[in-house]
Every structure is written in C-alpha cells, then in structure tokens.
Amino acid sequence: MEILLWLVPPAVVTVLAMLWVGWLGREGRGEVDRDTAVRRMGEALSRPPRPQVVVRRQPRERSTGVAVRAPRVSPESTDGKAS
C-alpha cells in the first residue's frame, strides 16, 4: 500500500483540474444574447464566399504490400553501379 502513496498527489491535482475546467465550462458562461447572435449570423451570411483553392495531387503508386530493398552497391565498383 505504501508504494502507491506516490499516486495521491497527482490524483488530487487531476481531480482539482477536472473540477476547475468543469466550472469554467459550465453552461451560461460566454453566452451572447439572441439579437447579437442573429445580427452576427446575418453579417456572416451576407459576406461573399471565399474563393475555393483546388489542390491537385499526383496519384500515388499503390502499395503491393511487399517491401523492396534498393540494390546494393558493391565496394569494388567505382562508378556507383551494382555489378
């Protein structure tokens, strides 16, 4: 039992952090009244849409599931090609 006593301080800190975050995130904090929310939504919907950027990617070579190693270069070869 004594060996597990080192777990008590982290457990207490974790519980306190969970309670603190739960209190900060409780309902009612940061609410905006309905009129302001409707006005902001109207402004956002009236803006022109952002231009969409199309990114074309090169098609990747499909994997066969087999690992292929690069050919070995023999040490006696001076031109860098395998013999």
PDB file of N, CA and C in Angstrom:
ATOM      1  N   MET A   1       0.819  -1.189   0.000  1.00  0.00           N
ATOM      2  CA  MET A   1       0.000   0.000   0.000  1.00  0.00           C
ATOM      3  C   MET A   1       0.868   1.259   0.000  1.00  0.00           C
ATOM      4  N   GLU A   2       1.967   1.213   0.753  1.00  0.00           N
ATOM      5  CA  GLU A   2       2.830   2.401   0.845  1.00  0.00           C
ATOM      6  C   GLU A   2       3.424   2.767  -0.505  1.00  0.00           C
ATOM      7  N   ILE A   3       3.633   1.773  -1.334  1.00  0.00           N
ATOM      8  CA  ILE A   3       4.250   2.034  -2.630  1.00  0.00           C
ATOM      9  C   ILE A   3       3.321   2.859  -3.529  1.00  0.00           C
ATOM     10  N   LEU A   4       2.028   2.808  -3.301  1.00  0.00           N
ATOM     11  CA  LEU A   4       1.069   3.542  -4.118  1.00  0.00           C
ATOM     12  C   LEU A   4       0.807   4.955  -3.607  1.00  0.00           C
ATOM     13  N   LEU A   5       1.413   5.339  -2.507  1.00  0.00           N
ATOM     14  CA  LEU A   5       1.178   6.681  -1.962  1.00  0.00           C
ATOM     15  C   LEU A   5       1.680   7.780  -2.882  1.00  0.00           C
ATOM     16  N   TRP A   6       2.617   7.477  -3.758  1.00  0.00           N
ATOM     17  CA  TRP A   6       3.109   8.492  -4.684  1.00  0.00           C
ATOM     18  C   TRP A   6       2.026   8.874  -5.695  1.00  0.00           C
ATOM     19  N   LEU A   7       0.987   8.052  -5.825  1.00  0.00           N
ATOM     20  CA  LEU A   7      -0.105   8.359  -6.743  1.00  0.00           C
ATOM     21  C   LEU A   7      -1.091   9.391  -6.184  1.00  0.00           C
ATOM     22  N   VAL A   8      -1.071   9.610  -4.889  1.00  0.00           N
ATOM     23  CA  VAL A   8      -2.053  10.511  -4.275  1.00  0.00           C
ATOM     24  C   VAL A   8      -1.906  11.948  -4.771  1.00  0.00           C
ATOM     25  N   PRO A   9      -0.722  12.576  -4.739  1.00  0.00           N
ATOM     26  CA  PRO A   9      -0.645  13.971  -5.212  1.00  0.00           C
ATOM     27  C   PRO A   9      -1.074  14.155  -6.667  1.00  0.00           C
ATOM     28  N   PRO A  10      -0.638  13.315  -7.623  1.00  0.00           N
ATOM     29  CA  PRO A  10      -1.127  13.507  -8.986  1.00  0.00           C
ATOM     30  C   PRO A  10      -2.636  13.312  -9.105  1.00  0.00           C
ATOM     31  N   ALA A  11      -3.189  12.372  -8.345  1.00  0.00           N
ATOM     32  CA  ALA A  11      -4.634  12.142  -8.395  1.00  0.00           C
ATOM     33  C   ALA A  11      -5.386  13.354  -7.864  1.00  0.00           C
ATOM     34  N   VAL A  12      -4.895  13.954  -6.786  1.00  0.00           N
ATOM     35  CA  VAL A  12      -5.542  15.147  -6.228  1.00  0.00           C
ATOM     36  C   VAL A  12      -5.462  16.301  -7.220  1.00  0.00           C
ATOM     37  N   VAL A  13      -4.305  16.496  -7.826  1.00  0.00           N
ATOM     38  CA  VAL A  13      -4.149  17.575  -8.808  1.00  0.00           C
ATOM     39  C   VAL A  13      -5.066  17.333 -10.001  1.00  0.00           C
ATOM     40  N   THR A  14      -5.184  16.093 -10.443  1.00  0.00           N
ATOM     41  CA  THR A  14      -6.057  15.769 -11.580  1.00  0.00           C
ATOM     42  C   THR A  14      -7.514  16.058 -11.254  1.00  0.00           C
ATOM     43  N   VAL A  15      -7.955  15.660 -10.076  1.00  0.00           N
ATOM     44  CA  VAL A  15      -9.342  15.904  -9.668  1.00  0.00           C
ATOM     45  C   VAL A  15      -9.603  17.398  -9.560  1.00  0.00           C
ATOM     46  N   LEU A  16      -8.678  18.156  -8.976  1.00  0.00           N
ATOM     47  CA  LEU A  16      -8.856  19.601  -8.872  1.00  0.00           C
ATOM     48  C   LEU A  16      -8.900  20.254 -10.251  1.00  0.00           C
ATOM     49  N   ALA A  17      -8.047  19.798 -11.180  1.00  0.00           N
ATOM     50  CA  ALA A  17      -8.058  20.353 -12.532  1.00  0.00           C
ATOM     51  C   ALA A  17      -9.373  20.036 -13.227  1.00  0.00           C
ATOM     52  N   MET A  18      -9.893  18.834 -13.044  1.00  0.00           N
ATOM     53  CA  MET A  18     -11.162  18.470 -13.666  1.00  0.00           C
ATOM     54  C   MET A  18     -12.295  19.328 -13.105  1.00  0.00           C
ATOM     55  N   LEU A  19     -12.305  19.556 -11.811  1.00  0.00           N
ATOM     56  CA  LEU A  19     -13.338  20.405 -11.213  1.00  0.00           C
ATOM     57  C   LEU A  19     -13.232  21.838 -11.717  1.00  0.00           C
ATOM     58  N   TRP A  20     -12.006  22.353 -11.822  1.00  0.00           N
ATOM     59  CA  TRP A  20     -11.795  23.732 -12.281  1.00  0.00           C
ATOM     60  C   TRP A  20     -12.253  23.895 -13.734  1.00  0.00           C
ATOM     61  N   VAL A  21     -11.870  22.946 -14.599  1.00  0.00           N
ATOM     62  CA  VAL A  21     -12.268  23.023 -16.002  1.00  0.00           C
ATOM     63  C   VAL A  21     -13.776  22.855 -16.132  1.00  0.00           C
ATOM     64  N   GLY A  22     -14.355  21.982 -15.333  1.00  0.00           N
ATOM     65  CA  GLY A  22     -15.803  21.807 -15.350  1.00  0.00           C
ATOM     66  C   GLY A  22     -16.533  23.070 -14.922  1.00  0.00           C
ATOM     67  N   TRP A  23     -15.967  23.776 -13.962  1.00  0.00           N
ATOM     68  CA  TRP A  23     -16.583  25.025 -13.512  1.00  0.00           C
ATOM     69  C   TRP A  23     -16.451  26.093 -14.587  1.00  0.00           C
ATOM     70  N   LEU A  24     -15.293  26.163 -15.251  1.00  0.00           N
ATOM     71  CA  LEU A  24     -15.106  27.162 -16.306  1.00  0.00           C
ATOM     72  C   LEU A  24     -16.007  26.890 -17.499  1.00  0.00           C
ATOM     73  N   GLY A  25     -16.259  25.631 -17.802  1.00  0.00           N
ATOM     74  CA  GLY A  25     -17.030  25.286 -18.976  1.00  0.00           C
ATOM     75  C   GLY A  25     -18.513  25.139 -18.717  1.00  0.00           C
ATOM     76  N   ARG A  26     -18.958  25.490 -17.522  1.00  0.00           N
ATOM     77  CA  ARG A  26     -20.372  25.300 -17.219  1.00  0.00           C
ATOM     78  C   ARG A  26     -21.251  26.157 -18.123  1.00  0.00           C
ATOM     79  N   GLU A  27     -22.457  25.740 -18.283  1.00  0.00           N
ATOM     80  CA  GLU A  27     -23.384  26.429 -19.176  1.00  0.00           C
ATOM     81  C   GLU A  27     -23.670  27.835 -18.653  1.00  0.00           C
ATOM     82  N   GLY A  28     -23.760  28.766 -19.570  1.00  0.00           N
ATOM     83  CA  GLY A  28     -24.091  30.135 -19.180  1.00  0.00           C
ATOM     84  C   GLY A  28     -22.914  31.081 -19.276  1.00  0.00           C
ATOM     85  N   ARG A  29     -21.710  30.554 -19.349  1.00  0.00           N
ATOM     86  CA  ARG A  29     -20.548  31.433 -19.458  1.00  0.00           C
ATOM     87  C   ARG A  29     -20.289  31.729 -20.919  1.00  0.00           C
ATOM     88  N   GLY A  30     -20.147  32.996 -21.267  1.00  0.00           N
ATOM     89  CA  GLY A  30     -19.820  33.383 -22.619  1.00  0.00           C
ATOM     90  C   GLY A  30     -21.009  33.383 -23.567  1.00  0.00           C
ATOM     91  N   GLU A  31     -22.215  33.323 -23.037  1.00  0.00           N
ATOM     92  CA  GLU A  31     -23.384  33.346 -23.903  1.00  0.00           C
ATOM     93  C   GLU A  31     -23.584  34.729 -24.506  1.00  0.00           C
ATOM     94  N   VAL A  32     -24.100  34.764 -25.713  1.00  0.00           N
ATOM     95  CA  VAL A  32     -24.392  36.015 -26.401  1.00  0.00           C
ATOM     96  C   VAL A  32     -25.906  36.091 -26.523  1.00  0.00           C
ATOM     97  N   ASP A  33     -26.452  37.284 -26.312  1.00  0.00           N
ATOM     98  CA  ASP A  33     -27.905  37.396 -26.413  1.00  0.00           C
ATOM     99  C   ASP A  33     -28.372  37.102 -27.835  1.00  0.00           C
ATOM    100  N   ARG A  34     -29.625  36.768 -27.974  1.00  0.00           N
ATOM    101  CA  ARG A  34     -30.188  36.299 -29.243  1.00  0.00           C
ATOM    102  C   ARG A  34     -30.069  37.339 -30.349  1.00  0.00           C
ATOM    103  N   ASP A  35     -30.325  38.606 -30.034  1.00  0.00           N
ATOM    104  CA  ASP A  35     -30.268  39.650 -31.066  1.00  0.00           C
ATOM    105  C   ASP A  35     -28.854  39.788 -31.639  1.00  0.00           C
ATOM    106  N   THR A  36     -27.859  39.751 -30.775  1.00  0.00           N
ATOM    107  CA  THR A  36     -26.474  39.856 -31.238  1.00  0.00           C
ATOM    108  C   THR A  36     -26.109  38.646 -32.092  1.00  0.00           C
ATOM    109  N   ALA A  37     -26.532  37.458 -31.678  1.00  0.00           N
ATOM    110  CA  ALA A  37     -26.230  36.253 -32.437  1.00  0.00           C
ATOM    111  C   ALA A  37     -26.878  36.307 -33.822  1.00  0.00           C
ATOM    112  N   VAL A  38     -28.114  36.788 -33.899  1.00  0.00           N
ATOM    113  CA  VAL A  38     -28.805  36.880 -35.186  1.00  0.00           C
ATOM    114  C   VAL A  38     -28.119  37.908 -36.079  1.00  0.00           C
ATOM    115  N   ARG A  39     -27.692  39.029 -35.510  1.00  0.00           N
ATOM    116  CA  ARG A  39     -27.007  40.064 -36.282  1.00  0.00           C
ATOM    117  C   ARG A  39     -25.692  39.522 -36.845  1.00  0.00           C
ATOM    118  N   ARG A  40     -24.914  38.823 -36.006  1.00  0.00           N
ATOM    119  CA  ARG A  40     -23.636  38.258 -36.462  1.00  0.00           C
ATOM    120  C   ARG A  40     -23.856  37.218 -37.558  1.00  0.00           C
ATOM    121  N   MET A  41     -24.894  36.399 -37.401  1.00  0.00           N
ATOM    122  CA  MET A  41     -25.181  35.382 -38.404  1.00  0.00           C
ATOM    123  C   MET A  41     -25.557  36.046 -39.729  1.00  0.00           C
ATOM    124  N   GLY A  42     -26.355  37.107 -39.671  1.00  0.00           N
ATOM    125  CA  GLY A  42     -26.734  37.824 -40.883  1.00  0.00           C
ATOM    126  C   GLY A  42     -25.531  38.431 -41.579  1.00  0.00           C
ATOM    127  N   GLU A  43     -24.611  39.011 -40.795  1.00  0.00           N
ATOM    128  CA  GLU A  43     -23.395  39.587 -41.386  1.00  0.00           C
ATOM    129  C   GLU A  43     -22.553  38.507 -42.048  1.00  0.00           C
ATOM    130  N   ALA A  44     -22.437  37.368 -41.402  1.00  0.00           N
ATOM    131  CA  ALA A  44     -21.621  36.287 -41.958  1.00  0.00           C
ATOM    132  C   ALA A  44     -22.240  35.741 -43.242  1.00  0.00           C
ATOM    133  N   LEU A  45     -23.558  35.639 -43.274  1.00  0.00           N
ATOM    134  CA  LEU A  45     -24.218  35.103 -44.468  1.00  0.00           C
ATOM    135  C   LEU A  45     -24.232  36.103 -45.613  1.00  0.00           C
ATOM    136  N   SER A  46     -24.118  37.395 -45.308  1.00  0.00           N
ATOM    137  CA  SER A  46     -24.161  38.390 -46.375  1.00  0.00           C
ATOM    138  C   SER A  46     -22.794  38.604 -47.029  1.00  0.00           C
ATOM    139  N   ARG A  47     -21.735  38.137 -46.398  1.00  0.00           N
ATOM    140  CA  ARG A  47     -20.403  38.277 -46.986  1.00  0.00           C
ATOM    141  C   ARG A  47     -20.269  37.371 -48.201  1.00  0.00           C
ATOM    142  N   PRO A  48     -19.503  37.820 -49.203  1.00  0.00           N
ATOM    143  CA  PRO A  48     -19.283  36.932 -50.349  1.00  0.00           C
ATOM    144  C   PRO A  48     -18.420  35.742 -49.916  1.00  0.00           C
ATOM    145  N   PRO A  49     -18.657  34.584 -50.498  1.00  0.00           N
ATOM    146  CA  PRO A  49     -17.881  33.406 -50.099  1.00  0.00           C
ATOM    147  C   PRO A  49     -16.425  33.544 -50.516  1.00  0.00           C
ATOM    148  N   ARG A  50     -15.574  32.924 -49.750  1.00  0.00           N
ATOM    149  CA  ARG A  50     -14.142  32.942 -50.063  1.00  0.00           C
ATOM    150  C   ARG A  50     -13.897  32.067 -51.283  1.00  0.00           C
ATOM    151  N   PRO A  51     -12.950  32.467 -52.126  1.00  0.00           N
ATOM    152  CA  PRO A  51     -12.656  31.619 -53.287  1.00  0.00           C
ATOM    153  C   PRO A  51     -12.058  30.292 -52.828  1.00  0.00           C
ATOM    154  N   GLN A  52     -12.492  29.227 -53.467  1.00  0.00           N
ATOM    155  CA  GLN A  52     -12.012  27.903 -53.105  1.00  0.00           C
ATOM    156  C   GLN A  52     -10.734  27.605 -53.869  1.00  0.00           C
ATOM    157  N   VAL A  53      -9.771  27.050 -53.178  1.00  0.00           N
ATOM    158  CA  VAL A  53      -8.499  26.682 -53.793  1.00  0.00           C
ATOM    159  C   VAL A  53      -8.511  25.178 -54.035  1.00  0.00           C
ATOM    160  N   VAL A  54      -8.274  24.800 -55.274  1.00  0.00           N
ATOM    161  CA  VAL A  54      -8.254  23.386 -55.623  1.00  0.00           C
ATOM    162  C   VAL A  54      -6.800  22.930 -55.681  1.00  0.00           C
ATOM    163  N   VAL A  55      -6.488  21.931 -54.904  1.00  0.00           N
ATOM    164  CA  VAL A  55      -5.132  21.387 -54.877  1.00  0.00           C
ATOM    165  C   VAL A  55      -5.169  20.031 -55.560  1.00  0.00           C
ATOM    166  N   ARG A  56      -4.419  19.916 -56.628  1.00  0.00           N
ATOM    167  CA  ARG A  56      -4.361  18.641 -57.340  1.00  0.00           C
ATOM    168  C   ARG A  56      -3.098  17.917 -56.912  1.00  0.00           C
ATOM    169  N   ARG A  57      -3.276  16.711 -56.483  1.00  0.00           N
ATOM    170  CA  ARG A  57      -2.134  15.914 -56.029  1.00  0.00           C
ATOM    171  C   ARG A  57      -1.817  14.860 -57.073  1.00  0.00           C
ATOM    172  N   GLN A  58      -0.563  14.524 -57.119  1.00  0.00           N
ATOM    173  CA  GLN A  58      -0.127  13.463 -58.023  1.00  0.00           C
ATOM    174  C   GLN A  58      -0.667  12.140 -57.489  1.00  0.00           C
ATOM    175  N   PRO A  59      -1.191  11.296 -58.362  1.00  0.00           N
ATOM    176  CA  PRO A  59      -1.672   9.997 -57.873  1.00  0.00           C
ATOM    177  C   PRO A  59      -0.498   9.185 -57.338  1.00  0.00           C
ATOM    178  N   ARG A  60      -0.705   8.608 -56.173  1.00  0.00           N
ATOM    179  CA  ARG A  60       0.356   7.810 -55.564  1.00  0.00           C
ATOM    180  C   ARG A  60       0.357   6.413 -56.131  1.00  0.00           C
ATOM    181  N   GLU A  61       1.547   5.840 -56.158  1.00  0.00           N
ATOM    182  CA  GLU A  61       1.677   4.473 -56.617  1.00  0.00           C
ATOM    183  C   GLU A  61       1.115   3.564 -55.535  1.00  0.00           C
ATOM    184  N   ARG A  62       0.275   2.649 -55.926  1.00  0.00           N
ATOM    185  CA  ARG A  62      -0.358   1.764 -54.961  1.00  0.00           C
ATOM    186  C   ARG A  62       0.662   0.785 -54.383  1.00  0.00           C
ATOM    187  N   SER A  63       0.528   0.546 -53.117  1.00  0.00           N
ATOM    188  CA  SER A  63       1.428  -0.382 -52.458  1.00  0.00           C
ATOM    189  C   SER A  63       0.996  -1.814 -52.728  1.00  0.00           C
ATOM    190  N   THR A  64       1.968  -2.668 -52.958  1.00  0.00           N
ATOM    191  CA  THR A  64       1.670  -4.082 -53.167  1.00  0.00           C
ATOM    192  C   THR A  64       1.752  -4.857 -51.865  1.00  0.00           C
ATOM    193  N   GLY A  65       2.244  -4.222 -50.828  1.00  0.00           N
ATOM    194  CA  GLY A  65       2.405  -4.890 -49.544  1.00  0.00           C
ATOM    195  C   GLY A  65       3.719  -5.642 -49.438  1.00  0.00           C
ATOM    196  N   VAL A  66       4.565  -5.531 -50.461  1.00  0.00           N
ATOM    197  CA  VAL A  66       5.846  -6.221 -50.458  1.00  0.00           C
ATOM    198  C   VAL A  66       6.944  -5.171 -50.337  1.00  0.00           C
ATOM    199  N   ALA A  67       7.824  -5.361 -49.385  1.00  0.00           N
ATOM    200  CA  ALA A  67       8.925  -4.429 -49.210  1.00  0.00           C
ATOM    201  C   ALA A  67      10.017  -4.741 -50.221  1.00  0.00           C
ATOM    202  N   VAL A  68      10.468  -3.730 -50.936  1.00  0.00           N
ATOM    203  CA  VAL A  68      11.518  -3.910 -51.936  1.00  0.00           C
ATOM    204  C   VAL A  68      12.714  -3.074 -51.514  1.00  0.00           C
ATOM    205  N   ARG A  69      13.840  -3.736 -51.397  1.00  0.00           N
ATOM    206  CA  ARG A  69      15.052  -3.022 -50.995  1.00  0.00           C
ATOM    207  C   ARG A  69      15.777  -2.501 -52.223  1.00  0.00           C
ATOM    208  N   ALA A  70      16.472  -1.382 -52.044  1.00  0.00           N
ATOM    209  CA  ALA A  70      17.282  -0.828 -53.124  1.00  0.00           C
ATOM    210  C   ALA A  70      18.450  -1.767 -53.382  1.00  0.00           C
ATOM    211  N   PRO A  71      18.901  -1.839 -54.620  1.00  0.00           N
ATOM    212  CA  PRO A  71      20.038  -2.727 -54.919  1.00  0.00           C
ATOM    213  C   PRO A  71      21.288  -2.246 -54.186  1.00  0.00           C
ATOM    214  N   ARG A  72      22.082  -3.217 -53.752  1.00  0.00           N
ATOM    215  CA  ARG A  72      23.321  -2.892 -53.035  1.00  0.00           C
ATOM    216  C   ARG A  72      24.405  -2.487 -54.018  1.00  0.00           C
ATOM    217  N   VAL A  73      25.260  -1.573 -53.579  1.00  0.00           N
ATOM    218  CA  VAL A  73      26.401  -1.156 -54.392  1.00  0.00           C
ATOM    219  C   VAL A  73      27.608  -1.921 -53.879  1.00  0.00           C
ATOM    220  N   SER A  74      28.275  -2.631 -54.778  1.00  0.00           N
ATOM    221  CA  SER A  74      29.433  -3.418 -54.358  1.00  0.00           C
ATOM    222  C   SER A  74      30.618  -2.484 -54.107  1.00  0.00           C
ATOM    223  N   PRO A  75      31.452  -2.778 -53.111  1.00  0.00           N
ATOM    224  CA  PRO A  75      32.576  -1.883 -52.779  1.00  0.00           C
ATOM    225  C   PRO A  75      33.620  -1.790 -53.865  1.00  0.00           C
ATOM    226  N   GLU A  76      33.785  -2.846 -54.713  1.00  0.00           N
ATOM    227  CA  GLU A  76      34.816  -2.757 -55.745  1.00  0.00           C
ATOM    228  C   GLU A  76      34.375  -1.929 -56.942  1.00  0.00           C
ATOM    229  N   SER A  77      33.109  -1.596 -56.995  1.00  0.00           N
ATOM    230  CA  SER A  77      32.589  -0.793 -58.100  1.00  0.00           C
ATOM    231  C   SER A  77      32.925   0.674 -57.849  1.00  0.00           C
ATOM    232  N   THR A  78      33.558   1.336 -58.814  1.00  0.00           N
ATOM    233  CA  THR A  78      33.939   2.735 -58.644  1.00  0.00           C
ATOM    234  C   THR A  78      32.953   3.677 -59.297  1.00  0.00           C
ATOM    235  N   ASP A  79      32.154   3.173 -60.230  1.00  0.00           N
ATOM    236  CA  ASP A  79      31.230   4.054 -60.923  1.00  0.00           C
ATOM    237  C   ASP A  79      29.900   4.191 -60.200  1.00  0.00           C
ATOM    238  N   GLY A  80      29.690   3.496 -59.083  1.00  0.00           N
ATOM    239  CA  GLY A  80      28.498   3.625 -58.288  1.00  0.00           C
ATOM    240  C   GLY A  80      27.362   2.721 -58.704  1.00  0.00           C
ATOM    241  N   LYS A  81      27.611   1.824 -59.652  1.00  0.00           N
ATOM    242  CA  LYS A  81      26.566   0.909 -60.106  1.00  0.00           C
ATOM    243  C   LYS A  81      26.801  -0.472 -59.520  1.00  0.00           C
ATOM    244  N   ALA A  82      25.705  -1.176 -59.300  1.00  0.00           N
ATOM    245  CA  ALA A  82      25.836  -2.535 -58.783  1.00  0.00           C
ATOM    246  C   ALA A  82      26.317  -3.466 -59.875  1.00  0.00           C
ATOM    247  N   SER A  83      27.096  -4.465 -59.482  1.00  0.00           N
ATOM    248  CA  SER A  83      27.606  -5.382 -60.513  1.00  0.00           C
ATOM    249  C   SER A  83      26.788  -6.640 -60.579  1.00  0.00           C
TER     250      SER A  83
END
